[in-house]
Protein backbone atom coordinates (compact mmCIF):
# COMPACT_ATOMS: atom_id res chain seq x y z
CA MET A 1 -114.68 -174.04 -80.19
CA THR A 2 -114.23 -175.00 -84.15
CA THR A 3 -110.92 -173.31 -84.12
CA ILE A 4 -109.45 -175.73 -81.87
CA LEU A 5 -111.40 -178.50 -83.16
CA GLU A 6 -108.90 -177.26 -86.56
CA ILE A 7 -105.73 -176.85 -84.50
CA ALA A 8 -106.36 -180.21 -83.37
CA LEU A 9 -106.66 -181.75 -86.47
CA ILE A 10 -104.20 -179.94 -87.94
CA SER A 11 -101.66 -181.00 -85.46
CA ILE A 12 -102.48 -184.88 -85.39
CA VAL A 13 -101.89 -184.47 -89.45
CA THR A 14 -98.71 -183.09 -88.62
CA ALA A 15 -97.55 -185.80 -86.38
CA SER A 16 -99.22 -188.33 -88.11
CA THR A 17 -97.12 -187.51 -91.09
CA ILE A 18 -93.71 -187.91 -88.99
CA ALA A 19 -95.14 -190.83 -87.59
CA ASN A 20 -95.21 -192.92 -90.64
CA PHE A 21 -91.35 -192.53 -90.76
CA PHE A 22 -91.50 -194.58 -87.54
CA GLY A 23 -93.40 -197.49 -88.93
CA ILE A 24 -96.95 -196.02 -87.37
CA PRO A 25 -99.91 -195.92 -89.21
CA GLY A 26 -100.09 -192.29 -89.71
CA ASN A 27 -102.27 -192.04 -92.73
CA VAL A 28 -105.12 -194.29 -90.61
CA LEU A 29 -104.56 -191.59 -87.73
CA ILE A 30 -105.27 -188.50 -90.12
CA ALA A 31 -108.13 -190.72 -91.09
CA LEU A 32 -109.46 -191.17 -87.83
CA GLY A 33 -108.90 -187.20 -87.06
CA SER A 34 -110.53 -186.19 -90.12
CA LEU A 35 -113.68 -189.06 -88.76
CA PHE A 36 -113.74 -187.07 -85.33
CA TYR A 37 -113.47 -184.01 -86.31
CA ALA A 38 -116.53 -184.34 -88.72
CA VAL A 39 -118.82 -185.97 -85.93
CA SER A 40 -117.67 -182.99 -83.70
CA THR A 41 -118.97 -180.46 -86.25
CA GLY A 42 -122.17 -182.52 -87.18
CA PHE A 43 -120.61 -183.11 -90.14
CA SER A 44 -120.96 -179.42 -91.08
CA GLU A 45 -117.23 -179.14 -92.45
CA PHE A 46 -116.63 -182.10 -93.48
CA SER A 47 -119.49 -184.10 -95.11
CA PHE A 48 -119.58 -187.59 -94.67
CA GLY A 49 -119.03 -187.89 -98.72
CA PHE A 50 -115.43 -186.07 -98.24
CA VAL A 51 -114.30 -188.35 -95.22
CA LEU A 52 -115.43 -191.94 -97.19
CA THR A 53 -112.79 -190.23 -99.75
CA ILE A 54 -110.14 -189.64 -96.82
CA PHE A 55 -110.74 -193.11 -95.81
CA ALA A 56 -110.74 -194.64 -99.52
CA VAL A 57 -107.37 -192.42 -99.91
CA MET A 58 -105.78 -193.54 -96.77
CA ILE A 59 -106.91 -197.42 -98.00
CA LEU A 60 -105.07 -196.97 -101.64
CA PHE A 61 -101.76 -195.34 -100.13
CA GLU A 62 -101.53 -197.51 -97.23
CA ALA A 63 -101.67 -200.67 -99.72
CA LEU A 64 -99.43 -199.02 -102.13
CA GLU A 65 -97.08 -199.70 -99.45
CA PHE A 66 -97.29 -202.84 -98.92
CA ILE A 67 -97.58 -203.86 -102.50
CA LEU A 68 -94.45 -202.07 -102.93
CA ILE A 69 -92.42 -204.06 -100.52
CA SER A 70 -93.81 -207.03 -101.71
CA ILE A 71 -93.17 -206.23 -105.42
CA SER A 72 -89.66 -205.43 -104.60
CA ALA A 73 -89.14 -208.24 -102.28
CA ARG A 74 -90.69 -210.59 -104.87
CA HIS A 75 -88.79 -209.04 -107.70
CA TYR A 76 -85.13 -210.08 -105.54
CA GLY A 77 -86.42 -213.76 -104.94
CA SER A 78 -87.82 -213.27 -101.76
CA SER A 79 -90.81 -216.31 -100.88
CA ARG A 80 -94.38 -214.96 -99.68
CA TRP A 81 -92.56 -215.60 -95.74
CA GLY A 82 -89.81 -213.48 -96.63
CA VAL A 83 -92.54 -210.73 -97.38
CA ALA A 84 -93.86 -211.49 -94.28
CA GLY A 85 -90.82 -211.54 -92.61
CA ALA A 86 -89.76 -207.76 -93.49
CA ILE A 87 -93.24 -206.54 -92.70
CA ILE A 88 -93.19 -208.12 -89.19
CA GLY A 89 -88.98 -207.13 -88.91
CA GLY A 90 -89.95 -203.63 -90.15
CA ILE A 91 -92.65 -202.43 -87.38
CA ALA A 92 -90.57 -204.61 -84.75
CA GLY A 93 -87.81 -202.69 -86.02
CA ALA A 94 -88.79 -199.19 -86.15
CA ILE A 95 -90.57 -200.25 -82.38
CA SER A 96 -87.18 -201.41 -80.66
CA GLY A 97 -85.05 -198.75 -82.73
CA ALA A 98 -87.26 -196.25 -80.86
CA PHE A 99 -85.77 -197.19 -77.49
CA PHE A 100 -82.49 -196.37 -78.51
CA THR A 101 -83.04 -193.35 -80.23
CA PRO A 102 -86.70 -191.80 -80.32
CA VAL A 103 -86.53 -190.16 -83.69
CA LEU A 104 -83.80 -191.92 -85.63
CA GLY A 105 -83.76 -195.11 -84.15
CA GLY A 106 -87.60 -195.61 -85.27
CA VAL A 107 -86.51 -194.70 -88.63
CA ILE A 108 -83.13 -196.63 -88.84
CA GLY A 109 -84.70 -199.63 -86.89
CA SER A 110 -87.57 -200.23 -89.40
CA PHE A 111 -85.54 -199.81 -92.45
CA LEU A 112 -83.05 -202.84 -90.54
CA GLY A 113 -85.89 -204.67 -89.70
CA VAL A 114 -87.36 -205.15 -92.87
CA PHE A 115 -83.98 -206.23 -94.25
CA ALA A 116 -83.19 -208.38 -90.95
CA GLY A 117 -86.69 -210.22 -91.16
CA THR A 118 -86.81 -210.85 -94.39
CA PHE A 119 -83.15 -212.01 -94.41
CA ILE A 120 -83.57 -214.44 -91.19
CA VAL A 121 -87.15 -215.90 -92.65
CA GLU A 122 -85.29 -216.29 -96.33
CA PHE A 123 -82.53 -217.97 -95.23
CA ILE A 124 -84.07 -220.50 -92.66
CA ARG A 125 -86.36 -221.50 -95.72
CA SER A 126 -83.34 -221.72 -98.04
CA ALA A 127 -79.51 -221.90 -95.71
CA LYS A 128 -78.05 -219.61 -98.72
CA ILE A 129 -76.50 -216.58 -97.41
CA GLN A 130 -76.55 -215.18 -101.18
CA ASN A 131 -80.50 -215.47 -102.08
CA SER A 132 -81.42 -214.46 -98.77
CA LEU A 133 -79.47 -211.48 -99.08
CA LYS A 134 -80.76 -210.38 -102.72
CA ALA A 135 -84.04 -210.99 -101.51
CA ALA A 136 -83.29 -208.69 -98.02
CA TYR A 137 -82.18 -205.96 -100.12
CA GLY A 138 -85.22 -206.22 -102.41
CA ALA A 139 -87.59 -206.32 -99.56
CA PHE A 140 -85.70 -203.01 -98.41
CA LEU A 141 -85.93 -201.26 -101.29
CA GLY A 142 -89.37 -201.84 -101.41
CA ARG A 143 -89.54 -200.29 -97.91
CA ILE A 144 -87.97 -197.10 -99.58
CA GLY A 145 -90.53 -196.93 -101.78
CA GLY A 146 -93.51 -197.77 -99.25
CA LEU A 147 -92.53 -195.28 -97.09
CA SER A 148 -91.88 -192.28 -99.71
CA VAL A 149 -95.33 -193.31 -101.55
CA LYS A 150 -97.06 -193.67 -97.67
CA VAL A 151 -95.43 -189.68 -97.14
CA ILE A 152 -96.98 -188.96 -100.44
CA GLY A 153 -100.02 -190.04 -99.19
CA ALA A 154 -100.03 -188.03 -95.68
CA VAL A 155 -99.12 -184.95 -97.60
CA THR A 156 -101.77 -185.60 -100.02
CA LEU A 157 -104.41 -186.41 -97.17
CA GLY A 158 -103.13 -183.46 -95.35
CA ILE A 159 -103.83 -180.94 -98.63
CA MET A 160 -107.14 -182.08 -98.94
CA ILE A 161 -108.02 -181.53 -95.34
CA VAL A 162 -106.50 -178.13 -94.52
CA THR A 163 -107.90 -176.68 -98.25
CA HIS A 164 -111.38 -178.07 -96.85
CA LEU A 165 -110.89 -176.43 -93.67
């Protein structure tokens, strides 16, 4: 039974790492998968402290993603509303892009959504195309950095879990 649970957990870690590219909170799924594994094995394989560590690392990397998007967008002149537009646009873009082409569409959609979300909100606020484009570019760069950090977090969580099995 433990072998089946280990295979399931490794599958969750792998799929969730890839899911990060589609705007799906893969690191949260990894942490929840490790909690399920720990509960299923009666915390014999993963201690409660280890599961808490997994959740702490997940929260750290999730926060870093949003901080990077926010810092980059703000650096390029975006308002707080523009940052919110970037986050909402990124999620909406990933979901809608996945309907066009399941793999590549989600990735491209998330990047375009971040750009479009920031641009639209900033253009509504200021009616200045140049400033809106600059803020959207900053959010786009932040999305690249944020996604990179998020994937590094998923790999870190995966290594922690696999070496602990």
